[in-house]
Amino acid sequence: MANIKKNIYDVLKGNFLINKNALKNWRFLVFIVFLMLLMISSSHYADKQVLEMAKLDKEIKELKAEFVDTRSVAMKIKLESNIKNRVKELGLAPSENPAEIIKVTSKPIK
């Protein structure tokens, strides 16, 4: 039991970093710190990607709404009644004489 207590006190005091096998312990600590930094940077990168996806999703929704709005405006502009009103403002009116159909018959050349 005393040996376990001594080992715990040595770890808490940091004696494992200055004894004769300290190089092995330092290598392990540097490896652990590297893994921790890698994990932190990975989580930050993942958070950044999530925020970017949310931003792009919002932009897609806005563009879809703009498309629907523009399409409805275009449909209203193309209505025959709107075209008649706009043409009337220019002083044009529908023809009073109906169109005549011209039929051309051709004979085969011999």
PDB file of N, CA and C in Angstrom:
ATOM      1  N   MET A   1       0.812  -1.177   0.000  1.00  0.00           N
ATOM      2  CA  MET A   1       0.000   0.000   0.000  1.00  0.00           C
ATOM      3  C   MET A   1       0.865   1.254   0.000  1.00  0.00           C
ATOM      4  N   ALA A   2       1.949   1.201   0.732  1.00  0.00           N
ATOM      5  CA  ALA A   2       2.851   2.354   0.822  1.00  0.00           C
ATOM      6  C   ALA A   2       3.502   2.609  -0.530  1.00  0.00           C
ATOM      7  N   ASN A   3       3.777   1.540  -1.282  1.00  0.00           N
ATOM      8  CA  ASN A   3       4.394   1.665  -2.598  1.00  0.00           C
ATOM      9  C   ASN A   3       3.452   2.396  -3.569  1.00  0.00           C
ATOM     10  N   ILE A   4       2.164   2.083  -3.493  1.00  0.00           N
ATOM     11  CA  ILE A   4       1.177   2.742  -4.359  1.00  0.00           C
ATOM     12  C   ILE A   4       1.083   4.218  -3.998  1.00  0.00           C
ATOM     13  N   LYS A   5       1.075   4.507  -2.690  1.00  0.00           N
ATOM     14  CA  LYS A   5       1.026   5.900  -2.230  1.00  0.00           C
ATOM     15  C   LYS A   5       2.240   6.663  -2.725  1.00  0.00           C
ATOM     16  N   LYS A   6       3.403   6.026  -2.649  1.00  0.00           N
ATOM     17  CA  LYS A   6       4.641   6.677  -3.089  1.00  0.00           C
ATOM     18  C   LYS A   6       4.575   6.962  -4.587  1.00  0.00           C
ATOM     19  N   ASN A   7       4.072   5.995  -5.368  1.00  0.00           N
ATOM     20  CA  ASN A   7       3.962   6.192  -6.817  1.00  0.00           C
ATOM     21  C   ASN A   7       2.996   7.334  -7.148  1.00  0.00           C
ATOM     22  N   ILE A   8       1.895   7.427  -6.445  1.00  0.00           N
ATOM     23  CA  ILE A   8       0.922   8.508  -6.688  1.00  0.00           C
ATOM     24  C   ILE A   8       1.546   9.851  -6.346  1.00  0.00           C
ATOM     25  N   TYR A   9       2.274   9.925  -5.197  1.00  0.00           N
ATOM     26  CA  TYR A   9       2.939  11.177  -4.821  1.00  0.00           C
ATOM     27  C   TYR A   9       4.000  11.558  -5.854  1.00  0.00           C
ATOM     28  N   ASP A  10       4.721  10.572  -6.366  1.00  0.00           N
ATOM     29  CA  ASP A  10       5.734  10.859  -7.392  1.00  0.00           C
ATOM     30  C   ASP A  10       5.099  11.445  -8.657  1.00  0.00           C
ATOM     31  N   VAL A  11       3.963  10.913  -9.045  1.00  0.00           N
ATOM     32  CA  VAL A  11       3.280  11.435 -10.233  1.00  0.00           C
ATOM     33  C   VAL A  11       2.768  12.844  -9.967  1.00  0.00           C
ATOM     34  N   LEU A  12       2.159  13.062  -8.806  1.00  0.00           N
ATOM     35  CA  LEU A  12       1.633  14.386  -8.483  1.00  0.00           C
ATOM     36  C   LEU A  12       2.742  15.430  -8.352  1.00  0.00           C
ATOM     37  N   LYS A  13       3.889  15.055  -7.837  1.00  0.00           N
ATOM     38  CA  LYS A  13       5.010  15.983  -7.696  1.00  0.00           C
ATOM     39  C   LYS A  13       5.746  16.196  -9.010  1.00  0.00           C
ATOM     40  N   GLY A  14       5.570  15.297  -9.972  1.00  0.00           N
ATOM     41  CA  GLY A  14       6.243  15.433 -11.255  1.00  0.00           C
ATOM     42  C   GLY A  14       7.595  14.767 -11.293  1.00  0.00           C
ATOM     43  N   ASN A  15       7.886  13.883 -10.350  1.00  0.00           N
ATOM     44  CA  ASN A  15       9.177  13.196 -10.317  1.00  0.00           C
ATOM     45  C   ASN A  15       9.377  12.304 -11.542  1.00  0.00           C
ATOM     46  N   PHE A  16       8.276  11.858 -12.143  1.00  0.00           N
ATOM     47  CA  PHE A  16       8.401  10.990 -13.311  1.00  0.00           C
ATOM     48  C   PHE A  16       8.970  11.758 -14.512  1.00  0.00           C
ATOM     49  N   LEU A  17       8.986  13.081 -14.450  1.00  0.00           N
ATOM     50  CA  LEU A  17       9.532  13.883 -15.554  1.00  0.00           C
ATOM     51  C   LEU A  17      11.026  14.175 -15.394  1.00  0.00           C
ATOM     52  N   ILE A  18      11.566  13.911 -14.200  1.00  0.00           N
ATOM     53  CA  ILE A  18      12.985  14.239 -13.967  1.00  0.00           C
ATOM     54  C   ILE A  18      13.841  13.034 -13.586  1.00  0.00           C
ATOM     55  N   ASN A  19      13.264  11.849 -13.489  1.00  0.00           N
ATOM     56  CA  ASN A  19      14.080  10.678 -13.133  1.00  0.00           C
ATOM     57  C   ASN A  19      14.844  10.166 -14.355  1.00  0.00           C
ATOM     58  N   LYS A  20      15.551   9.039 -14.222  1.00  0.00           N
ATOM     59  CA  LYS A  20      16.426   8.562 -15.293  1.00  0.00           C
ATOM     60  C   LYS A  20      15.660   8.062 -16.522  1.00  0.00           C
ATOM     61  N   ASN A  21      14.400   7.674 -16.407  1.00  0.00           N
ATOM     62  CA  ASN A  21      13.583   7.236 -17.554  1.00  0.00           C
ATOM     63  C   ASN A  21      12.666   8.362 -18.057  1.00  0.00           C
ATOM     64  N   ALA A  22      13.038   9.584 -17.788  1.00  0.00           N
ATOM     65  CA  ALA A  22      12.176  10.723 -18.106  1.00  0.00           C
ATOM     66  C   ALA A  22      11.971  10.906 -19.615  1.00  0.00           C
ATOM     67  N   LEU A  23      12.972  10.548 -20.436  1.00  0.00           N
ATOM     68  CA  LEU A  23      12.849  10.743 -21.886  1.00  0.00           C
ATOM     69  C   LEU A  23      11.659   9.956 -22.432  1.00  0.00           C
ATOM     70  N   LYS A  24      11.465   8.744 -21.961  1.00  0.00           N
ATOM     71  CA  LYS A  24      10.324   7.937 -22.401  1.00  0.00           C
ATOM     72  C   LYS A  24       9.011   8.599 -21.975  1.00  0.00           C
ATOM     73  N   ASN A  25       8.969   9.133 -20.772  1.00  0.00           N
ATOM     74  CA  ASN A  25       7.768   9.804 -20.281  1.00  0.00           C
ATOM     75  C   ASN A  25       7.494  11.082 -21.079  1.00  0.00           C
ATOM     76  N   TRP A  26       8.533  11.841 -21.389  1.00  0.00           N
ATOM     77  CA  TRP A  26       8.359  13.080 -22.162  1.00  0.00           C
ATOM     78  C   TRP A  26       7.826  12.778 -23.563  1.00  0.00           C
ATOM     79  N   ARG A  27       8.342  11.725 -24.175  1.00  0.00           N
ATOM     80  CA  ARG A  27       7.848  11.348 -25.502  1.00  0.00           C
ATOM     81  C   ARG A  27       6.357  11.013 -25.444  1.00  0.00           C
ATOM     82  N   PHE A  28       5.968  10.280 -24.428  1.00  0.00           N
ATOM     83  CA  PHE A  28       4.563   9.922 -24.280  1.00  0.00           C
ATOM     84  C   PHE A  28       3.709  11.169 -24.057  1.00  0.00           C
ATOM     85  N   LEU A  29       4.180  12.091 -23.226  1.00  0.00           N
ATOM     86  CA  LEU A  29       3.433  13.328 -22.962  1.00  0.00           C
ATOM     87  C   LEU A  29       3.308  14.183 -24.224  1.00  0.00           C
ATOM     88  N   VAL A  30       4.368  14.290 -25.003  1.00  0.00           N
ATOM     89  CA  VAL A  30       4.311  15.054 -26.249  1.00  0.00           C
ATOM     90  C   VAL A  30       3.322  14.398 -27.212  1.00  0.00           C
ATOM     91  N   PHE A  31       3.319  13.079 -27.253  1.00  0.00           N
ATOM     92  CA  PHE A  31       2.362  12.361 -28.102  1.00  0.00           C
ATOM     93  C   PHE A  31       0.925  12.634 -27.659  1.00  0.00           C
ATOM     94  N   ILE A  32       0.670  12.601 -26.370  1.00  0.00           N
ATOM     95  CA  ILE A  32      -0.667  12.867 -25.833  1.00  0.00           C
ATOM     96  C   ILE A  32      -1.085  14.304 -26.142  1.00  0.00           C
ATOM     97  N   VAL A  33      -0.174  15.271 -25.974  1.00  0.00           N
ATOM     98  CA  VAL A  33      -0.486  16.671 -26.273  1.00  0.00           C
ATOM     99  C   VAL A  33      -0.788  16.836 -27.763  1.00  0.00           C
ATOM    100  N   PHE A  34      -0.014  16.166 -28.608  1.00  0.00           N
ATOM    101  CA  PHE A  34      -0.269  16.218 -30.056  1.00  0.00           C
ATOM    102  C   PHE A  34      -1.664  15.679 -30.380  1.00  0.00           C
ATOM    103  N   LEU A  35      -2.035  14.547 -29.772  1.00  0.00           N
ATOM    104  CA  LEU A  35      -3.365  13.984 -30.005  1.00  0.00           C
ATOM    105  C   LEU A  35      -4.466  14.925 -29.527  1.00  0.00           C
ATOM    106  N   MET A  36      -4.240  15.581 -28.387  1.00  0.00           N
ATOM    107  CA  MET A  36      -5.237  16.520 -27.884  1.00  0.00           C
ATOM    108  C   MET A  36      -5.394  17.711 -28.825  1.00  0.00           C
ATOM    109  N   LEU A  37      -4.282  18.241 -29.320  1.00  0.00           N
ATOM    110  CA  LEU A  37      -4.349  19.360 -30.268  1.00  0.00           C
ATOM    111  C   LEU A  37      -5.032  18.936 -31.568  1.00  0.00           C
ATOM    112  N   LEU A  38      -4.742  17.732 -32.015  1.00  0.00           N
ATOM    113  CA  LEU A  38      -5.388  17.215 -33.214  1.00  0.00           C
ATOM    114  C   LEU A  38      -6.895  17.084 -33.015  1.00  0.00           C
ATOM    115  N   MET A  39      -7.318  16.616 -31.863  1.00  0.00           N
ATOM    116  CA  MET A  39      -8.733  16.468 -31.566  1.00  0.00           C
ATOM    117  C   MET A  39      -9.425  17.831 -31.497  1.00  0.00           C
ATOM    118  N   ILE A  40      -8.782  18.808 -30.872  1.00  0.00           N
ATOM    119  CA  ILE A  40      -9.357  20.151 -30.766  1.00  0.00           C
ATOM    120  C   ILE A  40      -9.497  20.780 -32.143  1.00  0.00           C
ATOM    121  N   SER A  41      -8.449  20.686 -32.956  1.00  0.00           N
ATOM    122  CA  SER A  41      -8.531  21.292 -34.289  1.00  0.00           C
ATOM    123  C   SER A  41      -9.569  20.578 -35.147  1.00  0.00           C
ATOM    124  N   SER A  42      -9.696  19.283 -34.992  1.00  0.00           N
ATOM    125  CA  SER A  42     -10.700  18.527 -35.732  1.00  0.00           C
ATOM    126  C   SER A  42     -12.104  18.963 -35.352  1.00  0.00           C
ATOM    127  N   SER A  43     -12.349  19.157 -34.067  1.00  0.00           N
ATOM    128  CA  SER A  43     -13.685  19.581 -33.637  1.00  0.00           C
ATOM    129  C   SER A  43     -13.986  20.997 -34.110  1.00  0.00           C
ATOM    130  N   HIS A  44     -12.985  21.896 -34.112  1.00  0.00           N
ATOM    131  CA  HIS A  44     -13.198  23.252 -34.627  1.00  0.00           C
ATOM    132  C   HIS A  44     -13.502  23.218 -36.119  1.00  0.00           C
ATOM    133  N   TYR A  45     -12.807  22.372 -36.843  1.00  0.00           N
ATOM    134  CA  TYR A  45     -13.045  22.251 -38.293  1.00  0.00           C
ATOM    135  C   TYR A  45     -14.458  21.729 -38.556  1.00  0.00           C
ATOM    136  N   ALA A  46     -14.883  20.752 -37.759  1.00  0.00           N
ATOM    137  CA  ALA A  46     -16.233  20.204 -37.925  1.00  0.00           C
ATOM    138  C   ALA A  46     -17.285  21.271 -37.623  1.00  0.00           C
ATOM    139  N   ASP A  47     -17.080  22.063 -36.571  1.00  0.00           N
ATOM    140  CA  ASP A  47     -18.013  23.142 -36.249  1.00  0.00           C
ATOM    141  C   ASP A  47     -18.073  24.165 -37.376  1.00  0.00           C
ATOM    142  N   LYS A  48     -16.925  24.489 -37.937  1.00  0.00           N
ATOM    143  CA  LYS A  48     -16.875  25.445 -39.045  1.00  0.00           C
ATOM    144  C   LYS A  48     -17.655  24.912 -40.243  1.00  0.00           C
ATOM    145  N   GLN A  49     -17.518  23.620 -40.532  1.00  0.00           N
ATOM    146  CA  GLN A  49     -18.233  23.019 -41.651  1.00  0.00           C
ATOM    147  C   GLN A  49     -19.741  23.027 -41.418  1.00  0.00           C
ATOM    148  N   VAL A  50     -20.163  22.769 -40.184  1.00  0.00           N
ATOM    149  CA  VAL A  50     -21.592  22.783 -39.854  1.00  0.00           C
ATOM    150  C   VAL A  50     -22.158  24.185 -40.052  1.00  0.00           C
ATOM    151  N   LEU A  51     -21.431  25.206 -39.594  1.00  0.00           N
ATOM    152  CA  LEU A  51     -21.885  26.582 -39.772  1.00  0.00           C
ATOM    153  C   LEU A  51     -21.954  26.950 -41.252  1.00  0.00           C
ATOM    154  N   GLU A  52     -20.989  26.518 -42.024  1.00  0.00           N
ATOM    155  CA  GLU A  52     -20.978  26.790 -43.470  1.00  0.00           C
ATOM    156  C   GLU A  52     -22.172  26.115 -44.147  1.00  0.00           C
ATOM    157  N   MET A  53     -22.476  24.879 -43.749  1.00  0.00           N
ATOM    158  CA  MET A  53     -23.618  24.184 -44.339  1.00  0.00           C
ATOM    159  C   MET A  53     -24.926  24.883 -43.982  1.00  0.00           C
ATOM    160  N   ALA A  54     -25.052  25.366 -42.759  1.00  0.00           N
ATOM    161  CA  ALA A  54     -26.265  26.081 -42.353  1.00  0.00           C
ATOM    162  C   ALA A  54     -26.406  27.375 -43.161  1.00  0.00           C
ATOM    163  N   LYS A  55     -25.290  28.070 -43.368  1.00  0.00           N
ATOM    164  CA  LYS A  55     -25.310  29.310 -44.146  1.00  0.00           C
ATOM    165  C   LYS A  55     -25.729  29.030 -45.590  1.00  0.00           C
ATOM    166  N   LEU A  56     -25.170  27.980 -46.183  1.00  0.00           N
ATOM    167  CA  LEU A  56     -25.516  27.631 -47.563  1.00  0.00           C
ATOM    168  C   LEU A  56     -26.966  27.168 -47.676  1.00  0.00           C
ATOM    169  N   ASP A  57     -27.456  26.457 -46.665  1.00  0.00           N
ATOM    170  CA  ASP A  57     -28.849  26.020 -46.670  1.00  0.00           C
ATOM    171  C   ASP A  57     -29.786  27.218 -46.627  1.00  0.00           C
ATOM    172  N   LYS A  58     -29.454  28.203 -45.810  1.00  0.00           N
ATOM    173  CA  LYS A  58     -30.254  29.425 -45.729  1.00  0.00           C
ATOM    174  C   LYS A  58     -30.234  30.159 -47.065  1.00  0.00           C
ATOM    175  N   GLU A  59     -29.072  30.230 -47.698  1.00  0.00           N
ATOM    176  CA  GLU A  59     -28.945  30.900 -48.992  1.00  0.00           C
ATOM    177  C   GLU A  59     -29.768  30.174 -50.063  1.00  0.00           C
ATOM    178  N   ILE A  60     -29.779  28.843 -50.025  1.00  0.00           N
ATOM    179  CA  ILE A  60     -30.573  28.068 -50.983  1.00  0.00           C
ATOM    180  C   ILE A  60     -32.056  28.379 -50.809  1.00  0.00           C
ATOM    181  N   LYS A  61     -32.516  28.441 -49.568  1.00  0.00           N
ATOM    182  CA  LYS A  61     -33.926  28.748 -49.319  1.00  0.00           C
ATOM    183  C   LYS A  61     -34.276  30.147 -49.833  1.00  0.00           C
ATOM    184  N   GLU A  62     -33.384  31.107 -49.622  1.00  0.00           N
ATOM    185  CA  GLU A  62     -33.629  32.467 -50.111  1.00  0.00           C
ATOM    186  C   GLU A  62     -33.680  32.501 -51.634  1.00  0.00           C
ATOM    187  N   LEU A  63     -32.772  31.784 -52.273  1.00  0.00           N
ATOM    188  CA  LEU A  63     -32.749  31.768 -53.740  1.00  0.00           C
ATOM    189  C   LEU A  63     -33.987  31.070 -54.304  1.00  0.00           C
ATOM    190  N   LYS A  64     -34.454  30.009 -53.645  1.00  0.00           N
ATOM    191  CA  LYS A  64     -35.679  29.345 -54.095  1.00  0.00           C
ATOM    192  C   LYS A  64     -36.875  30.289 -53.978  1.00  0.00           C
ATOM    193  N   ALA A  65     -36.956  31.016 -52.869  1.00  0.00           N
ATOM    194  CA  ALA A  65     -38.056  31.964 -52.693  1.00  0.00           C
ATOM    195  C   ALA A  65     -37.988  33.065 -53.748  1.00  0.00           C
ATOM    196  N   GLU A  66     -36.797  33.556 -54.030  1.00  0.00           N
ATOM    197  CA  GLU A  66     -36.635  34.585 -55.059  1.00  0.00           C
ATOM    198  C   GLU A  66     -37.038  34.040 -56.428  1.00  0.00           C
ATOM    199  N   PHE A  67     -36.689  32.793 -56.713  1.00  0.00           N
ATOM    200  CA  PHE A  67     -37.057  32.177 -57.985  1.00  0.00           C
ATOM    201  C   PHE A  67     -38.572  32.081 -58.126  1.00  0.00           C
ATOM    202  N   VAL A  68     -39.244  31.620 -57.078  1.00  0.00           N
ATOM    203  CA  VAL A  68     -40.701  31.493 -57.128  1.00  0.00           C
ATOM    204  C   VAL A  68     -41.345  32.862 -57.320  1.00  0.00           C
ATOM    205  N   ASP A  69     -40.833  33.867 -56.618  1.00  0.00           N
ATOM    206  CA  ASP A  69     -41.370  35.219 -56.742  1.00  0.00           C
ATOM    207  C   ASP A  69     -41.170  35.756 -58.151  1.00  0.00           C
ATOM    208  N   THR A  70     -39.988  35.579 -58.701  1.00  0.00           N
ATOM    209  CA  THR A  70     -39.691  36.059 -60.055  1.00  0.00           C
ATOM    210  C   THR A  70     -40.547  35.327 -61.080  1.00  0.00           C
ATOM    211  N   ARG A  71     -40.742  34.038 -60.886  1.00  0.00           N
ATOM    212  CA  ARG A  71     -41.557  33.266 -61.821  1.00  0.00           C
ATOM    213  C   ARG A  71     -43.007  33.728 -61.788  1.00  0.00           C
ATOM    214  N   SER A  72     -43.538  34.034 -60.599  1.00  0.00           N
ATOM    215  CA  SER A  72     -44.926  34.498 -60.521  1.00  0.00           C
ATOM    216  C   SER A  72     -45.077  35.877 -61.171  1.00  0.00           C
ATOM    217  N   VAL A  73     -44.077  36.743 -60.997  1.00  0.00           N
ATOM    218  CA  VAL A  73     -44.117  38.058 -61.660  1.00  0.00           C
ATOM    219  C   VAL A  73     -44.072  37.882 -63.170  1.00  0.00           C
ATOM    220  N   ALA A  74     -43.240  36.994 -63.659  1.00  0.00           N
ATOM    221  CA  ALA A  74     -43.151  36.744 -65.099  1.00  0.00           C
ATOM    222  C   ALA A  74     -44.463  36.199 -65.645  1.00  0.00           C
ATOM    223  N   MET A  75     -45.119  35.317 -64.883  1.00  0.00           N
ATOM    224  CA  MET A  75     -46.404  34.775 -65.330  1.00  0.00           C
ATOM    225  C   MET A  75     -47.454  35.877 -65.415  1.00  0.00           C
ATOM    226  N   LYS A  76     -47.455  36.815 -64.462  1.00  0.00           N
ATOM    227  CA  LYS A  76     -48.422  37.915 -64.491  1.00  0.00           C
ATOM    228  C   LYS A  76     -48.157  38.828 -65.682  1.00  0.00           C
ATOM    229  N   ILE A  77     -46.890  39.051 -65.992  1.00  0.00           N
ATOM    230  CA  ILE A  77     -46.547  39.920 -67.122  1.00  0.00           C
ATOM    231  C   ILE A  77     -46.984  39.278 -68.429  1.00  0.00           C
ATOM    232  N   LYS A  78     -46.926  37.960 -68.526  1.00  0.00           N
ATOM    233  CA  LYS A  78     -47.255  37.258 -69.769  1.00  0.00           C
ATOM    234  C   LYS A  78     -48.752  37.091 -69.993  1.00  0.00           C
ATOM    235  N   LEU A  79     -49.579  37.440 -69.018  1.00  0.00           N
ATOM    236  CA  LEU A  79     -51.023  37.286 -69.184  1.00  0.00           C
ATOM    237  C   LEU A  79     -51.515  38.141 -70.351  1.00  0.00           C
ATOM    238  N   GLU A  80     -52.498  37.610 -71.094  1.00  0.00           N
ATOM    239  CA  GLU A  80     -53.013  38.307 -72.280  1.00  0.00           C
ATOM    240  C   GLU A  80     -53.617  39.655 -71.913  1.00  0.00           C
ATOM    241  N   SER A  81     -54.309  39.731 -70.775  1.00  0.00           N
ATOM    242  CA  SER A  81     -54.931  41.000 -70.377  1.00  0.00           C
ATOM    243  C   SER A  81     -53.870  42.066 -70.110  1.00  0.00           C
ATOM    244  N   ASN A  82     -52.776  41.681 -69.481  1.00  0.00           N
ATOM    245  CA  ASN A  82     -51.695  42.650 -69.242  1.00  0.00           C
ATOM    246  C   ASN A  82     -51.063  43.103 -70.544  1.00  0.00           C
ATOM    247  N   ILE A  83     -50.894  42.185 -71.480  1.00  0.00           N
ATOM    248  CA  ILE A  83     -50.297  42.542 -72.771  1.00  0.00           C
ATOM    249  C   ILE A  83     -51.220  43.489 -73.523  1.00  0.00           C
ATOM    250  N   LYS A  84     -52.542  43.227 -73.485  1.00  0.00           N
ATOM    251  CA  LYS A  84     -53.498  44.121 -74.151  1.00  0.00           C
ATOM    252  C   LYS A  84     -53.427  45.524 -73.556  1.00  0.00           C
ATOM    253  N   ASN A  85     -53.364  45.621 -72.228  1.00  0.00           N
ATOM    254  CA  ASN A  85     -53.299  46.942 -71.586  1.00  0.00           C
ATOM    255  C   ASN A  85     -52.017  47.680 -71.964  1.00  0.00           C
ATOM    256  N   ARG A  86     -50.918  46.986 -71.997  1.00  0.00           N
ATOM    257  CA  ARG A  86     -49.650  47.632 -72.338  1.00  0.00           C
ATOM    258  C   ARG A  86     -49.623  48.071 -73.792  1.00  0.00           C
ATOM    259  N   VAL A  87     -50.224  47.267 -74.684  1.00  0.00           N
ATOM    260  CA  VAL A  87     -50.274  47.618 -76.102  1.00  0.00           C
ATOM    261  C   VAL A  87     -51.226  48.787 -76.319  1.00  0.00           C
ATOM    262  N   LYS A  88     -52.331  48.812 -75.543  1.00  0.00           N
ATOM    263  CA  LYS A  88     -53.290  49.904 -75.646  1.00  0.00           C
ATOM    264  C   LYS A  88     -52.630  51.237 -75.295  1.00  0.00           C
ATOM    265  N   GLU A  89     -51.731  51.232 -74.304  1.00  0.00           N
ATOM    266  CA  GLU A  89     -51.005  52.447 -73.925  1.00  0.00           C
ATOM    267  C   GLU A  89     -50.145  52.961 -75.077  1.00  0.00           C
ATOM    268  N   LEU A  90     -49.676  52.071 -75.928  1.00  0.00           N
ATOM    269  CA  LEU A  90     -48.863  52.468 -77.078  1.00  0.00           C
ATOM    270  C   LEU A  90     -49.717  52.906 -78.262  1.00  0.00           C
ATOM    271  N   GLY A  91     -51.041  52.782 -78.160  1.00  0.00           N
ATOM    272  CA  GLY A  91     -51.942  53.204 -79.221  1.00  0.00           C
ATOM    273  C   GLY A  91     -52.236  52.105 -80.223  1.00  0.00           C
ATOM    274  N   LEU A  92     -51.927  50.895 -79.919  1.00  0.00           N
ATOM    275  CA  LEU A  92     -52.219  49.784 -80.828  1.00  0.00           C
ATOM    276  C   LEU A  92     -53.517  49.118 -80.409  1.00  0.00           C
ATOM    277  N   ALA A  93     -54.233  48.555 -81.395  1.00  0.00           N
ATOM    278  CA  ALA A  93     -55.496  47.868 -81.111  1.00  0.00           C
ATOM    279  C   ALA A  93     -55.552  46.601 -81.947  1.00  0.00           C
ATOM    280  N   PRO A  94     -56.402  45.667 -81.562  1.00  0.00           N
ATOM    281  CA  PRO A  94     -56.532  44.453 -82.361  1.00  0.00           C
ATOM    282  C   PRO A  94     -57.124  44.773 -83.734  1.00  0.00           C
ATOM    283  N   SER A  95     -56.810  43.969 -84.693  1.00  0.00           N
ATOM    284  CA  SER A  95     -57.299  44.165 -86.054  1.00  0.00           C
ATOM    285  C   SER A  95     -58.804  43.939 -86.109  1.00  0.00           C
ATOM    286  N   GLU A  96     -59.502  44.801 -86.880  1.00  0.00           N
ATOM    287  CA  GLU A  96     -60.952  44.656 -87.025  1.00  0.00           C
ATOM    288  C   GLU A  96     -61.285  43.682 -88.150  1.00  0.00           C
ATOM    289  N   ASN A  97     -60.401  43.536 -89.116  1.00  0.00           N
ATOM    290  CA  ASN A  97     -60.613  42.605 -90.221  1.00  0.00           C
ATOM    291  C   ASN A  97     -59.957  41.270 -89.884  1.00  0.00           C
ATOM    292  N   PRO A  98     -60.702  40.208 -90.058  1.00  0.00           N
ATOM    293  CA  PRO A  98     -60.092  38.912 -89.760  1.00  0.00           C
ATOM    294  C   PRO A  98     -58.995  38.585 -90.776  1.00  0.00           C
ATOM    295  N   ALA A  99     -58.098  37.772 -90.371  1.00  0.00           N
ATOM    296  CA  ALA A  99     -57.000  37.376 -91.252  1.00  0.00           C
ATOM    297  C   ALA A  99     -57.526  36.478 -92.364  1.00  0.00           C
ATOM    298  N   GLU A 100     -56.936  36.608 -93.544  1.00  0.00           N
ATOM    299  CA  GLU A 100     -57.324  35.781 -94.676  1.00  0.00           C
ATOM    300  C   GLU A 100     -56.274  34.699 -94.868  1.00  0.00           C
ATOM    301  N   ILE A 101     -56.744  33.535 -95.242  1.00  0.00           N
ATOM    302  CA  ILE A 101     -55.844  32.409 -95.459  1.00  0.00           C
ATOM    303  C   ILE A 101     -55.539  32.331 -96.946  1.00  0.00           C
ATOM    304  N   ILE A 102     -54.283  32.292 -97.288  1.00  0.00           N
ATOM    305  CA  ILE A 102     -53.852  32.183 -98.671  1.00  0.00           C
ATOM    306  C   ILE A 102     -53.331  30.769 -98.875  1.00  0.00           C
ATOM    307  N   LYS A 103     -53.941  30.078 -99.859  1.00  0.00           N
ATOM    308  CA  LYS A 103     -53.507  28.720-100.158  1.00  0.00           C
ATOM    309  C   LYS A 103     -52.745  28.755-101.475  1.00  0.00           C
ATOM    310  N   VAL A 104     -51.603  28.163-101.510  1.00  0.00           N
ATOM    311  CA  VAL A 104     -50.793  28.096-102.715  1.00  0.00           C
ATOM    312  C   VAL A 104     -50.742  26.642-103.149  1.00  0.00           C
ATOM    313  N   THR A 105     -51.150  26.421-104.386  1.00  0.00           N
ATOM    314  CA  THR A 105     -51.061  25.082-104.932  1.00  0.00           C
ATOM    315  C   THR A 105     -50.031  25.103-106.039  1.00  0.00           C
ATOM    316  N   SER A 106     -49.215  24.177-106.068  1.00  0.00           N
ATOM    317  CA  SER A 106     -48.203  24.144-107.104  1.00  0.00           C
ATOM    318  C   SER A 106     -48.346  22.846-107.906  1.00  0.00           C
ATOM    319  N   LYS A 107     -48.063  22.969-109.168  1.00  0.00           N
ATOM    320  CA  LYS A 107     -48.128  21.804-110.042  1.00  0.00           C
ATOM    321  C   LYS A 107     -46.720  21.261-110.212  1.00  0.00           C
ATOM    322  N   PRO A 108     -46.604  19.969-110.251  1.00  0.00           N
ATOM    323  CA  PRO A 108     -45.279  19.388-110.432  1.00  0.00           C
ATOM    324  C   PRO A 108     -44.720  19.757-111.822  1.00  0.00           C
ATOM    325  N   ILE A 109     -43.473  20.082-111.895  1.00  0.00           N
ATOM    326  CA  ILE A 109     -42.810  20.430-113.132  1.00  0.00           C
ATOM    327  C   ILE A 109     -42.426  19.155-113.858  1.00  0.00           C
ATOM    328  N   LYS A 110     -42.760  19.128-115.183  1.00  0.00           N
ATOM    329  CA  LYS A 110     -42.448  17.930-115.973  1.00  0.00           C
ATOM    330  C   LYS A 110     -41.229  18.111-116.801  1.00  0.00           C
TER     331      LYS A 110
END
